[in-house]
Amino acid sequence: MSVLAEVSGNVTAIGYGLAAIGPGIGVGIIFGQGVQAIARQPEAYGLIRQNMLLGFVLTEALALIGLVAPFIYGA
């Protein structure tokens, strides 16, 4: 007796879940390295923080594009 698995519904949620792994890792690296840089050079706090937030925004933009793309290009 064989059992067949069937996927029903829209699989874009699975695709977005897989696509969100990259930006999640990127955000972790950005803030981890930023905290380490601030610990090494506290006098450069303003510049490091500014670059950290810019990197965070650009990384999150990729995640939002991954969320919106299936709605735009979907059938």
PDB file of N, CA and C in Angstrom:
ATOM      1  N   MET A   1       0.858  -1.181   0.000  1.00  0.00           N
ATOM      2  CA  MET A   1       0.000   0.000   0.000  1.00  0.00           C
ATOM      3  C   MET A   1       0.895   1.231   0.000  1.00  0.00           C
ATOM      4  N   SER A   2       0.700   2.103  -0.965  1.00  0.00           N
ATOM      5  CA  SER A   2       1.529   3.308  -1.041  1.00  0.00           C
ATOM      6  C   SER A   2       0.699   4.525  -0.636  1.00  0.00           C
ATOM      7  N   VAL A   3       1.360   5.431   0.036  1.00  0.00           N
ATOM      8  CA  VAL A   3       0.714   6.663   0.480  1.00  0.00           C
ATOM      9  C   VAL A   3       1.348   7.814  -0.284  1.00  0.00           C
ATOM     10  N   LEU A   4       0.520   8.565  -0.958  1.00  0.00           N
ATOM     11  CA  LEU A   4       1.016   9.702  -1.729  1.00  0.00           C
ATOM     12  C   LEU A   4       0.767  10.993  -0.952  1.00  0.00           C
ATOM     13  N   ALA A   5       1.806  11.811  -0.880  1.00  0.00           N
ATOM     14  CA  ALA A   5       1.651  13.116  -0.231  1.00  0.00           C
ATOM     15  C   ALA A   5       1.238  14.133  -1.277  1.00  0.00           C
ATOM     16  N   GLU A   6       0.320  14.967  -0.914  1.00  0.00           N
ATOM     17  CA  GLU A   6      -0.171  15.965  -1.855  1.00  0.00           C
ATOM     18  C   GLU A   6      -0.013  17.351  -1.245  1.00  0.00           C
ATOM     19  N   VAL A   7       0.502  18.267  -2.050  1.00  0.00           N
ATOM     20  CA  VAL A   7       0.629  19.653  -1.628  1.00  0.00           C
ATOM     21  C   VAL A   7      -0.505  20.425  -2.265  1.00  0.00           C
ATOM     22  N   SER A   8      -1.337  20.997  -1.445  1.00  0.00           N
ATOM     23  CA  SER A   8      -2.450  21.767  -1.983  1.00  0.00           C
ATOM     24  C   SER A   8      -2.325  23.209  -1.519  1.00  0.00           C
ATOM     25  N   GLY A   9      -2.879  24.091  -2.285  1.00  0.00           N
ATOM     26  CA  GLY A   9      -2.821  25.502  -1.938  1.00  0.00           C
ATOM     27  C   GLY A   9      -1.666  26.190  -2.633  1.00  0.00           C
ATOM     28  N   ASN A  10      -1.338  27.343  -2.136  1.00  0.00           N
ATOM     29  CA  ASN A  10      -0.311  28.172  -2.732  1.00  0.00           C
ATOM     30  C   ASN A  10       1.026  27.915  -2.042  1.00  0.00           C
ATOM     31  N   VAL A  11       2.044  27.624  -2.799  1.00  0.00           N
ATOM     32  CA  VAL A  11       3.352  27.324  -2.214  1.00  0.00           C
ATOM     33  C   VAL A  11       4.242  28.551  -2.134  1.00  0.00           C
ATOM     34  N   THR A  12       3.700  29.750  -2.385  1.00  0.00           N
ATOM     35  CA  THR A  12       4.519  30.955  -2.273  1.00  0.00           C
ATOM     36  C   THR A  12       4.938  31.217  -0.831  1.00  0.00           C
ATOM     37  N   ALA A  13       4.149  30.749   0.131  1.00  0.00           N
ATOM     38  CA  ALA A  13       4.523  30.924   1.533  1.00  0.00           C
ATOM     39  C   ALA A  13       5.794  30.145   1.839  1.00  0.00           C
ATOM     40  N   ILE A  14       5.923  28.967   1.267  1.00  0.00           N
ATOM     41  CA  ILE A  14       7.139  28.178   1.460  1.00  0.00           C
ATOM     42  C   ILE A  14       8.311  28.884   0.790  1.00  0.00           C
ATOM     43  N   GLY A  15       8.090  29.415  -0.397  1.00  0.00           N
ATOM     44  CA  GLY A  15       9.148  30.145  -1.102  1.00  0.00           C
ATOM     45  C   GLY A  15       9.587  31.372  -0.344  1.00  0.00           C
ATOM     46  N   TYR A  16       8.636  32.114   0.211  1.00  0.00           N
ATOM     47  CA  TYR A  16       9.015  33.295   0.991  1.00  0.00           C
ATOM     48  C   TYR A  16       9.744  32.894   2.262  1.00  0.00           C
ATOM     49  N   GLY A  17       9.316  31.820   2.885  1.00  0.00           N
ATOM     50  CA  GLY A  17      10.018  31.358   4.090  1.00  0.00           C
ATOM     51  C   GLY A  17      11.466  31.025   3.798  1.00  0.00           C
ATOM     52  N   LEU A  18      11.704  30.369   2.677  1.00  0.00           N
ATOM     53  CA  LEU A  18      13.081  30.068   2.284  1.00  0.00           C
ATOM     54  C   LEU A  18      13.843  31.334   1.906  1.00  0.00           C
ATOM     55  N   ALA A  19      13.162  32.288   1.255  1.00  0.00           N
ATOM     56  CA  ALA A  19      13.817  33.527   0.855  1.00  0.00           C
ATOM     57  C   ALA A  19      14.137  34.419   2.052  1.00  0.00           C
ATOM     58  N   ALA A  20      13.412  34.273   3.145  1.00  0.00           N
ATOM     59  CA  ALA A  20      13.645  35.107   4.325  1.00  0.00           C
ATOM     60  C   ALA A  20      14.839  34.642   5.143  1.00  0.00           C
ATOM     61  N   ILE A  21      15.368  33.479   4.854  1.00  0.00           N
ATOM     62  CA  ILE A  21      16.528  32.982   5.595  1.00  0.00           C
ATOM     63  C   ILE A  21      17.746  33.872   5.350  1.00  0.00           C
ATOM     64  N   GLY A  22      17.964  34.270   4.088  1.00  0.00           N
ATOM     65  CA  GLY A  22      19.126  35.094   3.743  1.00  0.00           C
ATOM     66  C   GLY A  22      19.140  36.432   4.460  1.00  0.00           C
ATOM     67  N   PRO A  23      18.064  37.228   4.364  1.00  0.00           N
ATOM     68  CA  PRO A  23      18.049  38.489   5.100  1.00  0.00           C
ATOM     69  C   PRO A  23      18.129  38.310   6.613  1.00  0.00           C
ATOM     70  N   GLY A  24      17.570  37.228   7.123  1.00  0.00           N
ATOM     71  CA  GLY A  24      17.675  36.970   8.571  1.00  0.00           C
ATOM     72  C   GLY A  24      19.106  36.757   9.002  1.00  0.00           C
ATOM     73  N   ILE A  25      19.831  35.991   8.223  1.00  0.00           N
ATOM     74  CA  ILE A  25      21.250  35.782   8.515  1.00  0.00           C
ATOM     75  C   ILE A  25      22.017  37.086   8.355  1.00  0.00           C
ATOM     76  N   GLY A  26      21.668  37.858   7.307  1.00  0.00           N
ATOM     77  CA  GLY A  26      22.341  39.132   7.073  1.00  0.00           C
ATOM     78  C   GLY A  26      22.168  40.110   8.221  1.00  0.00           C
ATOM     79  N   VAL A  27      20.966  40.210   8.755  1.00  0.00           N
ATOM     80  CA  VAL A  27      20.712  41.111   9.882  1.00  0.00           C
ATOM     81  C   VAL A  27      21.511  40.673  11.104  1.00  0.00           C
ATOM     82  N   GLY A  28      21.571  39.376  11.343  1.00  0.00           N
ATOM     83  CA  GLY A  28      22.358  38.876  12.473  1.00  0.00           C
ATOM     84  C   GLY A  28      23.829  39.212  12.336  1.00  0.00           C
ATOM     85  N   ILE A  29      24.364  39.072  11.138  1.00  0.00           N
ATOM     86  CA  ILE A  29      25.773  39.398  10.908  1.00  0.00           C
ATOM     87  C   ILE A  29      26.012  40.896  11.071  1.00  0.00           C
ATOM     88  N   ILE A  30      25.104  41.714  10.524  1.00  0.00           N
ATOM     89  CA  ILE A  30      25.267  43.168  10.615  1.00  0.00           C
ATOM     90  C   ILE A  30      25.339  43.624  12.067  1.00  0.00           C
ATOM     91  N   PHE A  31      24.391  43.206  12.881  1.00  0.00           N
ATOM     92  CA  PHE A  31      24.365  43.686  14.256  1.00  0.00           C
ATOM     93  C   PHE A  31      25.444  43.035  15.110  1.00  0.00           C
ATOM     94  N   GLY A  32      25.766  41.778  14.834  1.00  0.00           N
ATOM     95  CA  GLY A  32      26.843  41.131  15.575  1.00  0.00           C
ATOM     96  C   GLY A  32      28.176  41.809  15.340  1.00  0.00           C
ATOM     97  N   GLN A  33      28.488  42.078  14.073  1.00  0.00           N
ATOM     98  CA  GLN A  33      29.748  42.743  13.757  1.00  0.00           C
ATOM     99  C   GLN A  33      29.730  44.201  14.208  1.00  0.00           C
ATOM    100  N   GLY A  34      28.562  44.840  14.163  1.00  0.00           N
ATOM    101  CA  GLY A  34      28.462  46.227  14.621  1.00  0.00           C
ATOM    102  C   GLY A  34      28.729  46.362  16.111  1.00  0.00           C
ATOM    103  N   VAL A  35      28.173  45.470  16.899  1.00  0.00           N
ATOM    104  CA  VAL A  35      28.422  45.501  18.342  1.00  0.00           C
ATOM    105  C   VAL A  35      29.896  45.231  18.637  1.00  0.00           C
ATOM    106  N   GLN A  36      30.477  44.318  17.909  1.00  0.00           N
ATOM    107  CA  GLN A  36      31.899  44.027  18.085  1.00  0.00           C
ATOM    108  C   GLN A  36      32.755  45.242  17.712  1.00  0.00           C
ATOM    109  N   ALA A  37      32.388  45.931  16.642  1.00  0.00           N
ATOM    110  CA  ALA A  37      33.143  47.117  16.229  1.00  0.00           C
ATOM    111  C   ALA A  37      33.016  48.239  17.252  1.00  0.00           C
ATOM    112  N   ILE A  38      31.829  48.420  17.817  1.00  0.00           N
ATOM    113  CA  ILE A  38      31.634  49.455  18.834  1.00  0.00           C
ATOM    114  C   ILE A  38      32.428  49.110  20.088  1.00  0.00           C
ATOM    115  N   ALA A  39      32.502  47.837  20.436  1.00  0.00           N
ATOM    116  CA  ALA A  39      33.279  47.428  21.604  1.00  0.00           C
ATOM    117  C   ALA A  39      34.771  47.689  21.389  1.00  0.00           C
ATOM    118  N   ARG A  40      35.241  47.550  20.157  1.00  0.00           N
ATOM    119  CA  ARG A  40      36.658  47.775  19.877  1.00  0.00           C
ATOM    120  C   ARG A  40      36.995  49.261  19.774  1.00  0.00           C
ATOM    121  N   GLN A  41      36.074  50.058  19.200  1.00  0.00           N
ATOM    122  CA  GLN A  41      36.311  51.489  19.032  1.00  0.00           C
ATOM    123  C   GLN A  41      35.088  52.283  19.476  1.00  0.00           C
ATOM    124  N   PRO A  42      34.942  52.518  20.766  1.00  0.00           N
ATOM    125  CA  PRO A  42      33.756  53.231  21.255  1.00  0.00           C
ATOM    126  C   PRO A  42      33.666  54.671  20.735  1.00  0.00           C
ATOM    127  N   GLU A  43      34.805  55.273  20.383  1.00  0.00           N
ATOM    128  CA  GLU A  43      34.773  56.654  19.908  1.00  0.00           C
ATOM    129  C   GLU A  43      34.151  56.775  18.510  1.00  0.00           C
ATOM    130  N   ALA A  44      34.047  55.682  17.774  1.00  0.00           N
ATOM    131  CA  ALA A  44      33.449  55.695  16.437  1.00  0.00           C
ATOM    132  C   ALA A  44      31.998  55.215  16.473  1.00  0.00           C
ATOM    133  N   TYR A  45      31.356  55.357  17.612  1.00  0.00           N
ATOM    134  CA  TYR A  45      29.993  54.849  17.796  1.00  0.00           C
ATOM    135  C   TYR A  45      29.028  55.403  16.756  1.00  0.00           C
ATOM    136  N   GLY A  46      29.058  56.709  16.525  1.00  0.00           N
ATOM    137  CA  GLY A  46      28.104  57.347  15.614  1.00  0.00           C
ATOM    138  C   GLY A  46      28.218  56.818  14.193  1.00  0.00           C
ATOM    139  N   LEU A  47      29.429  56.721  13.688  1.00  0.00           N
ATOM    140  CA  LEU A  47      29.645  56.243  12.324  1.00  0.00           C
ATOM    141  C   LEU A  47      29.275  54.768  12.194  1.00  0.00           C
ATOM    142  N   ILE A  48      29.663  53.964  13.168  1.00  0.00           N
ATOM    143  CA  ILE A  48      29.354  52.528  13.116  1.00  0.00           C
ATOM    144  C   ILE A  48      27.844  52.307  13.190  1.00  0.00           C
ATOM    145  N   ARG A  49      27.193  53.045  14.074  1.00  0.00           N
ATOM    146  CA  ARG A  49      25.732  52.900  14.219  1.00  0.00           C
ATOM    147  C   ARG A  49      25.017  53.304  12.932  1.00  0.00           C
ATOM    148  N   GLN A  50      25.468  54.392  12.313  1.00  0.00           N
ATOM    149  CA  GLN A  50      24.861  54.853  11.074  1.00  0.00           C
ATOM    150  C   GLN A  50      25.002  53.793   9.976  1.00  0.00           C
ATOM    151  N   ASN A  51      26.190  53.214   9.837  1.00  0.00           N
ATOM    152  CA  ASN A  51      26.403  52.183   8.827  1.00  0.00           C
ATOM    153  C   ASN A  51      25.637  50.909   9.153  1.00  0.00           C
ATOM    154  N   MET A  52      25.505  50.600  10.439  1.00  0.00           N
ATOM    155  CA  MET A  52      24.729  49.423  10.845  1.00  0.00           C
ATOM    156  C   MET A  52      23.264  49.584  10.436  1.00  0.00           C
ATOM    157  N   LEU A  53      22.692  50.736  10.707  1.00  0.00           N
ATOM    158  CA  LEU A  53      21.286  50.958  10.377  1.00  0.00           C
ATOM    159  C   LEU A  53      21.068  50.987   8.864  1.00  0.00           C
ATOM    160  N   LEU A  54      22.011  51.553   8.112  1.00  0.00           N
ATOM    161  CA  LEU A  54      21.895  51.556   6.659  1.00  0.00           C
ATOM    162  C   LEU A  54      21.929  50.127   6.113  1.00  0.00           C
ATOM    163  N   GLY A  55      22.833  49.317   6.620  1.00  0.00           N
ATOM    164  CA  GLY A  55      22.889  47.914   6.201  1.00  0.00           C
ATOM    165  C   GLY A  55      21.633  47.158   6.564  1.00  0.00           C
ATOM    166  N   PHE A  56      21.085  47.446   7.747  1.00  0.00           N
ATOM    167  CA  PHE A  56      19.847  46.801   8.178  1.00  0.00           C
ATOM    168  C   PHE A  56      18.690  47.155   7.245  1.00  0.00           C
ATOM    169  N   VAL A  57      18.578  48.426   6.890  1.00  0.00           N
ATOM    170  CA  VAL A  57      17.493  48.867   6.020  1.00  0.00           C
ATOM    171  C   VAL A  57      17.596  48.210   4.650  1.00  0.00           C
ATOM    172  N   LEU A  58      18.789  48.158   4.090  1.00  0.00           N
ATOM    173  CA  LEU A  58      18.954  47.545   2.773  1.00  0.00           C
ATOM    174  C   LEU A  58      18.670  46.043   2.817  1.00  0.00           C
ATOM    175  N   THR A  59      19.076  45.390   3.893  1.00  0.00           N
ATOM    176  CA  THR A  59      18.821  43.954   4.024  1.00  0.00           C
ATOM    177  C   THR A  59      17.329  43.680   4.188  1.00  0.00           C
ATOM    178  N   GLU A  60      16.641  44.486   4.961  1.00  0.00           N
ATOM    179  CA  GLU A  60      15.206  44.300   5.146  1.00  0.00           C
ATOM    180  C   GLU A  60      14.440  44.631   3.874  1.00  0.00           C
ATOM    181  N   ALA A  61      14.965  45.537   3.056  1.00  0.00           N
ATOM    182  CA  ALA A  61      14.316  45.831   1.777  1.00  0.00           C
ATOM    183  C   ALA A  61      14.286  44.574   0.910  1.00  0.00           C
ATOM    184  N   LEU A  62      15.352  43.787   0.948  1.00  0.00           N
ATOM    185  CA  LEU A  62      15.365  42.533   0.194  1.00  0.00           C
ATOM    186  C   LEU A  62      14.285  41.581   0.690  1.00  0.00           C
ATOM    187  N   ALA A  63      14.098  41.521   1.994  1.00  0.00           N
ATOM    188  CA  ALA A  63      13.061  40.647   2.548  1.00  0.00           C
ATOM    189  C   ALA A  63      11.669  41.123   2.124  1.00  0.00           C
ATOM    190  N   LEU A  64      11.452  42.428   2.105  1.00  0.00           N
ATOM    191  CA  LEU A  64      10.147  42.945   1.700  1.00  0.00           C
ATOM    192  C   LEU A  64       9.898  42.723   0.213  1.00  0.00           C
ATOM    193  N   ILE A  65      10.942  42.824  -0.596  1.00  0.00           N
ATOM    194  CA  ILE A  65      10.787  42.523  -2.019  1.00  0.00           C
ATOM    195  C   ILE A  65      10.391  41.058  -2.183  1.00  0.00           C
ATOM    196  N   GLY A  66      10.996  40.177  -1.401  1.00  0.00           N
ATOM    197  CA  GLY A  66      10.634  38.769  -1.459  1.00  0.00           C
ATOM    198  C   GLY A  66       9.203  38.516  -1.026  1.00  0.00           C
ATOM    199  N   LEU A  67       8.680  39.349  -0.139  1.00  0.00           N
ATOM    200  CA  LEU A  67       7.298  39.204   0.304  1.00  0.00           C
ATOM    201  C   LEU A  67       6.313  39.697  -0.751  1.00  0.00           C
ATOM    202  N   VAL A  68       6.646  40.781  -1.432  1.00  0.00           N
ATOM    203  CA  VAL A  68       5.733  41.405  -2.377  1.00  0.00           C
ATOM    204  C   VAL A  68       5.790  40.760  -3.763  1.00  0.00           C
ATOM    205  N   ALA A  69       6.946  40.227  -4.160  1.00  0.00           N
ATOM    206  CA  ALA A  69       7.129  39.695  -5.514  1.00  0.00           C
ATOM    207  C   ALA A  69       6.100  38.633  -5.904  1.00  0.00           C
ATOM    208  N   PRO A  70       5.744  37.679  -5.044  1.00  0.00           N
ATOM    209  CA  PRO A  70       4.744  36.698  -5.473  1.00  0.00           C
ATOM    210  C   PRO A  70       3.375  37.315  -5.772  1.00  0.00           C
ATOM    211  N   PHE A  71       3.043  38.395  -5.094  1.00  0.00           N
ATOM    212  CA  PHE A  71       1.756  39.051  -5.362  1.00  0.00           C
ATOM    213  C   PHE A  71       1.785  39.793  -6.701  1.00  0.00           C
ATOM    214  N   ILE A  72       2.940  40.331  -7.052  1.00  0.00           N
ATOM    215  CA  ILE A  72       3.054  41.073  -8.308  1.00  0.00           C
ATOM    216  C   ILE A  72       3.148  40.130  -9.498  1.00  0.00           C
ATOM    217  N   TYR A  73       4.000  39.133  -9.392  1.00  0.00           N
ATOM    218  CA  TYR A  73       4.276  38.245 -10.532  1.00  0.00           C
ATOM    219  C   TYR A  73       3.479  36.945 -10.497  1.00  0.00           C
ATOM    220  N   GLY A  74       2.676  36.756  -9.470  1.00  0.00           N
ATOM    221  CA  GLY A  74       1.905  35.524  -9.351  1.00  0.00           C
ATOM    222  C   GLY A  74       0.782  35.447 -10.371  1.00  0.00           C
ATOM    223  N   ALA A  75       0.346  34.246 -10.556  1.00  0.00           N
ATOM    224  CA  ALA A  75      -0.719  34.035 -11.554  1.00  0.00           C
ATOM    225  C   ALA A  75      -2.083  34.185 -10.922  1.00  0.00           C
TER     226      ALA A  75
END
